[in-house]
C-alpha cells in the first residue's frame, strides 16, 4: 500500500476488505460458520467482533469534531503509514494483546442466521466509510486522535488503516478455520 492513503483510498480499501470478507464467508457452510472451537472464536464470533470494532471506530468519525478533540486531544506526531500502523498492531498482538471487554463476542447461536451477522457487518463497514467520506477532509485525518484499546491514541487516518488491516487480519483467521 502507498505510504499515506487519502480518505478516498481509505474508504476504497475499507469496502474492498468488506467485499472480500463477505465473498469468502458467503461460501462457508452454516455448520463451519457457527462451529465453536474450545479455545478460539467461531467464524460467527469473528464477524460479530469486527462489527463491534467497526461500530466503535465509527464514533470517532461521526461525533462533532470539537468533542473528538476534547476527548482525545491533539496529535503530537505525524500519522504513521499503513505499514507502520500494521507493524505496531502486530507487535502488540505478539506481546499478548487481545480483545477485551465488549470486544469479546459471546457464543452465537446458529438461530441468529449467518446472513444477519454478515448484513450487520456490512452495514457497519458501509456506515464507517460514509462517515469518513462525508465529514472529514484528508488533511484533517492527521489533526485528530481517537482512543484505541490496544494501540492507545491514534490519528483518524491510522484508525482508518486499522479498520482495513483488522478486517483482513480476521479474514485470514477465518480462512484458517475453514482448513480443518
C-alpha atoms as a PDB file:
ATOM      1  CA  UNK A   1       0.000   0.000   0.000  1.00  0.00           C
ATOM      2  CA  UNK A   2       1.020   3.604  -0.507  1.00  0.00           C
ATOM      3  CA  UNK A   3       2.796   5.217   2.445  1.00  0.00           C
ATOM      4  CA  UNK A   4      -0.048   7.680   3.176  1.00  0.00           C
ATOM      5  CA  UNK A   5      -3.573   6.960   1.956  1.00  0.00           C
ATOM      6  CA  UNK A   6      -6.123   9.688   1.203  1.00  0.00           C
ATOM      7  CA  UNK A   7      -9.619   9.433   2.642  1.00  0.00           C
ATOM      8  CA  UNK A   8     -10.829   8.200  -0.755  1.00  0.00           C
ATOM      9  CA  UNK A   9      -8.183   5.461  -0.778  1.00  0.00           C
ATOM     10  CA  UNK A  10      -9.022   4.511   2.808  1.00  0.00           C
ATOM     11  CA  UNK A  11     -12.726   4.236   2.015  1.00  0.00           C
ATOM     12  CA  UNK A  12     -11.962   2.184  -1.118  1.00  0.00           C
ATOM     13  CA  UNK A  13      -9.779  -0.179   0.911  1.00  0.00           C
ATOM     14  CA  UNK A  14     -12.427  -0.485   3.645  1.00  0.00           C
ATOM     15  CA  UNK A  15     -15.009  -1.520   1.053  1.00  0.00           C
ATOM     16  CA  UNK A  16     -12.517  -3.887  -0.622  1.00  0.00           C
ATOM     17  CA  UNK A  17     -11.819  -5.556   2.751  1.00  0.00           C
ATOM     18  CA  UNK A  18     -15.554  -5.814   3.404  1.00  0.00           C
ATOM     19  CA  UNK A  19     -16.318  -7.281  -0.016  1.00  0.00           C
ATOM     20  CA  UNK A  20     -13.540  -9.850   0.183  1.00  0.00           C
ATOM     21  CA  UNK A  21     -14.671 -10.936   3.652  1.00  0.00           C
ATOM     22  CA  UNK A  22     -18.320 -11.203   2.626  1.00  0.00           C
ATOM     23  CA  UNK A  23     -17.498 -13.126  -0.564  1.00  0.00           C
ATOM     24  CA  UNK A  24     -15.472 -15.639   1.426  1.00  0.00           C
ATOM     25  CA  UNK A  25     -17.960 -16.029   4.274  1.00  0.00           C
ATOM     26  CA  UNK A  26     -20.971 -16.477   1.989  1.00  0.00           C
ATOM     27  CA  UNK A  27     -19.398 -19.711   0.720  1.00  0.00           C
ATOM     28  CA  UNK A  28     -18.854 -21.177   4.207  1.00  0.00           C
ATOM     29  CA  UNK A  29     -21.433 -23.706   5.363  1.00  0.00           C
ATOM     30  CA  UNK A  30     -23.504 -22.742   8.406  1.00  0.00           C
ATOM     31  CA  UNK A  31     -22.034 -25.711  10.253  1.00  0.00           C
ATOM     32  CA  UNK A  32     -18.480 -24.400   9.859  1.00  0.00           C
ATOM     33  CA  UNK A  33     -19.501 -20.734  10.277  1.00  0.00           C
ATOM     34  CA  UNK A  34     -21.064 -21.379  13.695  1.00  0.00           C
ATOM     35  CA  UNK A  35     -18.710 -24.158  14.854  1.00  0.00           C
ATOM     36  CA  UNK A  36     -17.396 -23.229  18.299  1.00  0.00           C
ATOM     37  CA  UNK A  37     -13.828 -24.474  18.890  1.00  0.00           C
ATOM     38  CA  UNK A  38     -12.878 -24.987  22.524  1.00  0.00           C
ATOM     39  CA  UNK A  39     -10.262 -22.243  22.771  1.00  0.00           C
ATOM     40  CA  UNK A  40     -10.986 -19.997  19.800  1.00  0.00           C
ATOM     41  CA  UNK A  41     -13.803 -17.931  18.430  1.00  0.00           C
ATOM     42  CA  UNK A  42     -16.223 -19.287  15.875  1.00  0.00           C
ATOM     43  CA  UNK A  43     -16.263 -17.567  12.488  1.00  0.00           C
ATOM     44  CA  UNK A  44     -19.601 -16.065  13.545  1.00  0.00           C
ATOM     45  CA  UNK A  45     -17.833 -14.543  16.564  1.00  0.00           C
ATOM     46  CA  UNK A  46     -15.075 -13.122  14.337  1.00  0.00           C
ATOM     47  CA  UNK A  47     -17.755 -11.362  12.287  1.00  0.00           C
ATOM     48  CA  UNK A  48     -19.535 -10.126  15.435  1.00  0.00           C
ATOM     49  CA  UNK A  49     -16.194  -8.829  16.767  1.00  0.00           C
ATOM     50  CA  UNK A  50     -15.500  -7.000  13.506  1.00  0.00           C
ATOM     51  CA  UNK A  51     -18.966  -5.427  13.669  1.00  0.00           C
ATOM     52  CA  UNK A  52     -18.446  -4.213  17.248  1.00  0.00           C
ATOM     53  CA  UNK A  53     -14.966  -2.852  16.478  1.00  0.00           C
ATOM     54  CA  UNK A  54     -16.149  -1.113  13.313  1.00  0.00           C
ATOM     55  CA  UNK A  55     -19.125   0.494  15.054  1.00  0.00           C
ATOM     56  CA  UNK A  56     -16.828   1.669  17.836  1.00  0.00           C
ATOM     57  CA  UNK A  57     -14.418   3.203  15.319  1.00  0.00           C
ATOM     58  CA  UNK A  58     -17.274   4.958  13.543  1.00  0.00           C
ATOM     59  CA  UNK A  59     -17.945   7.033  16.654  1.00  0.00           C
ATOM     60  CA  UNK A  60     -14.695   8.928  16.117  1.00  0.00           C
ATOM     61  CA  UNK A  61     -15.852   9.907  12.635  1.00  0.00           C
ATOM     62  CA  UNK A  62     -19.445  10.896  13.491  1.00  0.00           C
ATOM     63  CA  UNK A  63     -19.032  12.837  16.732  1.00  0.00           C
ATOM     64  CA  UNK A  64     -18.652  16.607  16.429  1.00  0.00           C
ATOM     65  CA  UNK A  65     -15.002  17.487  15.787  1.00  0.00           C
ATOM     66  CA  UNK A  66     -14.713  19.540  18.980  1.00  0.00           C
ATOM     67  CA  UNK A  67     -15.859  16.507  21.019  1.00  0.00           C
ATOM     68  CA  UNK A  68     -13.287  14.285  19.305  1.00  0.00           C
ATOM     69  CA  UNK A  69     -10.600  16.882  20.130  1.00  0.00           C
ATOM     70  CA  UNK A  70     -11.844  17.370  23.697  1.00  0.00           C
ATOM     71  CA  UNK A  71     -11.973  13.616  24.338  1.00  0.00           C
ATOM     72  CA  UNK A  72      -8.649  12.550  22.814  1.00  0.00           C
ATOM     73  CA  UNK A  73      -6.554  15.712  22.445  1.00  0.00           C
ATOM     74  CA  UNK A  74      -4.233  16.760  19.630  1.00  0.00           C
ATOM     75  CA  UNK A  75      -1.628  14.602  17.946  1.00  0.00           C
ATOM     76  CA  UNK A  76       1.992  15.345  18.846  1.00  0.00           C
ATOM     77  CA  UNK A  77       3.397  13.348  15.922  1.00  0.00           C
ATOM     78  CA  UNK A  78       2.608  12.741  12.247  1.00  0.00           C
ATOM     79  CA  UNK A  79       0.361   9.838  11.288  1.00  0.00           C
ATOM     80  CA  UNK A  80       2.072   6.519  10.784  1.00  0.00           C
ATOM     81  CA  UNK A  81       1.987   4.942   7.340  1.00  0.00           C
ATOM     82  CA  UNK A  82      -0.290   1.960   6.791  1.00  0.00           C
ATOM     83  CA  UNK A  83       2.670  -0.421   7.130  1.00  0.00           C
ATOM     84  CA  UNK A  84       3.900   1.258  10.330  1.00  0.00           C
ATOM     85  CA  UNK A  85       0.440   1.021  11.878  1.00  0.00           C
ATOM     86  CA  UNK A  86       0.187  -2.657  10.918  1.00  0.00           C
ATOM     87  CA  UNK A  87       3.610  -3.356  12.434  1.00  0.00           C
ATOM     88  CA  UNK A  88       2.622  -1.639  15.688  1.00  0.00           C
ATOM     89  CA  UNK A  89      -0.599  -3.671  15.846  1.00  0.00           C
ATOM     90  CA  UNK A  90       1.216  -6.950  15.130  1.00  0.00           C
ATOM     91  CA  UNK A  91       3.763  -6.101  17.805  1.00  0.00           C
ATOM     92  CA  UNK A  92       1.002  -5.537  20.362  1.00  0.00           C
ATOM     93  CA  UNK A  93      -0.574  -8.884  19.431  1.00  0.00           C
ATOM     94  CA  UNK A  94       2.794 -10.676  19.681  1.00  0.00           C
ATOM     95  CA  UNK A  95       3.214  -9.243  23.187  1.00  0.00           C
ATOM     96  CA  UNK A  96      -0.084 -10.840  24.238  1.00  0.00           C
ATOM     97  CA  UNK A  97      -2.508  -8.070  23.332  1.00  0.00           C
ATOM     98  CA  UNK A  98      -6.003  -9.262  22.596  1.00  0.00           C
ATOM     99  CA  UNK A  99      -9.593  -8.127  22.560  1.00  0.00           C
ATOM    100  CA  UNK A 100     -11.205  -7.459  25.895  1.00  0.00           C
ATOM    101  CA  UNK A 101     -14.493  -6.316  27.373  1.00  0.00           C
ATOM    102  CA  UNK A 102     -17.259  -5.604  24.896  1.00  0.00           C
ATOM    103  CA  UNK A 103     -14.964  -6.562  22.006  1.00  0.00           C
ATOM    104  CA  UNK A 104     -15.046 -10.227  23.073  1.00  0.00           C
ATOM    105  CA  UNK A 105     -18.118 -11.756  21.439  1.00  0.00           C
ATOM    106  CA  UNK A 106     -20.369 -14.105  23.356  1.00  0.00           C
ATOM    107  CA  UNK A 107     -21.145 -17.533  21.856  1.00  0.00           C
ATOM    108  CA  UNK A 108     -23.521 -17.127  18.919  1.00  0.00           C
ATOM    109  CA  UNK A 109     -26.397 -19.454  18.137  1.00  0.00           C
ATOM    110  CA  UNK A 110     -26.951 -20.554  14.546  1.00  0.00           C
ATOM    111  CA  UNK A 111     -30.580 -19.482  15.074  1.00  0.00           C
ATOM    112  CA  UNK A 112     -29.413 -15.893  14.511  1.00  0.00           C
ATOM    113  CA  UNK A 113     -28.558 -16.765  10.938  1.00  0.00           C
ATOM    114  CA  UNK A 114     -25.327 -16.226   9.058  1.00  0.00           C
ATOM    115  CA  UNK A 115     -26.822 -13.608   6.722  1.00  0.00           C
ATOM    116  CA  UNK A 116     -27.952 -11.444   9.655  1.00  0.00           C
ATOM    117  CA  UNK A 117     -24.397 -11.342  11.020  1.00  0.00           C
ATOM    118  CA  UNK A 118     -22.920 -10.605   7.596  1.00  0.00           C
ATOM    119  CA  UNK A 119     -25.504  -7.877   6.960  1.00  0.00           C
ATOM    120  CA  UNK A 120     -24.707  -6.271  10.327  1.00  0.00           C
ATOM    121  CA  UNK A 121     -21.011  -6.248   9.480  1.00  0.00           C
ATOM    122  CA  UNK A 122     -21.694  -4.888   6.001  1.00  0.00           C
ATOM    123  CA  UNK A 123     -23.852  -2.091   7.418  1.00  0.00           C
ATOM    124  CA  UNK A 124     -21.197  -1.195   9.981  1.00  0.00           C
ATOM    125  CA  UNK A 125     -18.407  -1.004   7.384  1.00  0.00           C
ATOM    126  CA  UNK A 126     -20.530   0.975   4.931  1.00  0.00           C
ATOM    127  CA  UNK A 127     -21.550   3.450   7.649  1.00  0.00           C
ATOM    128  CA  UNK A 128     -17.897   3.842   8.657  1.00  0.00           C
ATOM    129  CA  UNK A 129     -16.875   4.549   5.050  1.00  0.00           C
ATOM    130  CA  UNK A 130     -19.735   7.036   4.604  1.00  0.00           C
ATOM    131  CA  UNK A 131     -18.914   8.880   7.847  1.00  0.00           C
ATOM    132  CA  UNK A 132     -15.273   9.197   6.844  1.00  0.00           C
ATOM    133  CA  UNK A 133     -16.155  10.309   3.324  1.00  0.00           C
ATOM    134  CA  UNK A 134     -18.804  12.902   4.231  1.00  0.00           C
ATOM    135  CA  UNK A 135     -17.444  14.594   7.310  1.00  0.00           C
ATOM    136  CA  UNK A 136     -13.672  14.674   7.010  1.00  0.00           C
ATOM    137  CA  UNK A 137     -11.121  16.162   4.644  1.00  0.00           C
ATOM    138  CA  UNK A 138      -7.974  14.130   4.015  1.00  0.00           C
ATOM    139  CA  UNK A 139      -5.742  16.680   5.800  1.00  0.00           C
ATOM    140  CA  UNK A 140      -7.973  16.653   8.909  1.00  0.00           C
ATOM    141  CA  UNK A 141      -7.334  12.962   9.499  1.00  0.00           C
ATOM    142  CA  UNK A 142      -3.870  13.771  10.875  1.00  0.00           C
ATOM    143  CA  UNK A 143      -5.136  16.512  13.205  1.00  0.00           C
ATOM    144  CA  UNK A 144      -7.485  14.468  15.400  1.00  0.00           C
ATOM    145  CA  UNK A 145      -6.972  11.486  17.680  1.00  0.00           C
ATOM    146  CA  UNK A 146      -9.149   8.584  18.741  1.00  0.00           C
ATOM    147  CA  UNK A 147      -8.521   6.140  21.574  1.00  0.00           C
ATOM    148  CA  UNK A 148      -7.839   2.541  20.628  1.00  0.00           C
ATOM    149  CA  UNK A 149      -7.946  -0.199  23.297  1.00  0.00           C
ATOM    150  CA  UNK A 150      -4.688  -1.801  22.144  1.00  0.00           C
ATOM    151  CA  UNK A 151      -2.839   0.941  20.247  1.00  0.00           C
ATOM    152  CA  UNK A 152      -3.546   3.898  22.531  1.00  0.00           C
ATOM    153  CA  UNK A 153      -4.353   7.223  20.910  1.00  0.00           C
ATOM    154  CA  UNK A 154      -4.090   7.067  17.139  1.00  0.00           C
ATOM    155  CA  UNK A 155      -4.915   9.591  14.439  1.00  0.00           C
ATOM    156  CA  UNK A 156      -8.125   9.249  12.475  1.00  0.00           C
ATOM    157  CA  UNK A 157      -6.049   8.312   9.424  1.00  0.00           C
ATOM    158  CA  UNK A 158      -4.465   5.495  11.455  1.00  0.00           C
ATOM    159  CA  UNK A 159      -7.909   4.430  12.672  1.00  0.00           C
ATOM    160  CA  UNK A 160      -8.944   4.026   9.048  1.00  0.00           C
ATOM    161  CA  UNK A 161      -5.802   1.981   8.397  1.00  0.00           C
ATOM    162  CA  UNK A 162      -6.542  -0.130  11.459  1.00  0.00           C
ATOM    163  CA  UNK A 163     -10.034  -0.991  10.251  1.00  0.00           C
ATOM    164  CA  UNK A 164      -8.682  -2.063   6.863  1.00  0.00           C
ATOM    165  CA  UNK A 165      -5.979  -4.257   8.368  1.00  0.00           C
ATOM    166  CA  UNK A 166      -8.185  -5.561  11.192  1.00  0.00           C
ATOM    167  CA  UNK A 167     -10.714  -6.850   8.668  1.00  0.00           C
ATOM    168  CA  UNK A 168      -8.032  -8.596   6.596  1.00  0.00           C
ATOM    169  CA  UNK A 169      -6.443  -9.969   9.802  1.00  0.00           C
ATOM    170  CA  UNK A 170      -9.736 -11.608  10.793  1.00  0.00           C
ATOM    171  CA  UNK A 171     -10.350 -12.806   7.243  1.00  0.00           C
ATOM    172  CA  UNK A 172      -7.002 -14.639   7.454  1.00  0.00           C
ATOM    173  CA  UNK A 173      -8.102 -16.199  10.759  1.00  0.00           C
ATOM    174  CA  UNK A 174     -11.441 -17.175   9.216  1.00  0.00           C
ATOM    175  CA  UNK A 175      -9.649 -18.828   6.291  1.00  0.00           C
ATOM    176  CA  UNK A 176      -7.529 -20.869   8.709  1.00  0.00           C
ATOM    177  CA  UNK A 177     -10.699 -22.033  10.482  1.00  0.00           C
ATOM    178  CA  UNK A 178     -12.075 -23.404   7.232  1.00  0.00           C
ATOM    179  CA  UNK A 179      -8.929 -25.504   6.629  1.00  0.00           C
ATOM    180  CA  UNK A 180      -9.791 -28.148   9.240  1.00  0.00           C
END
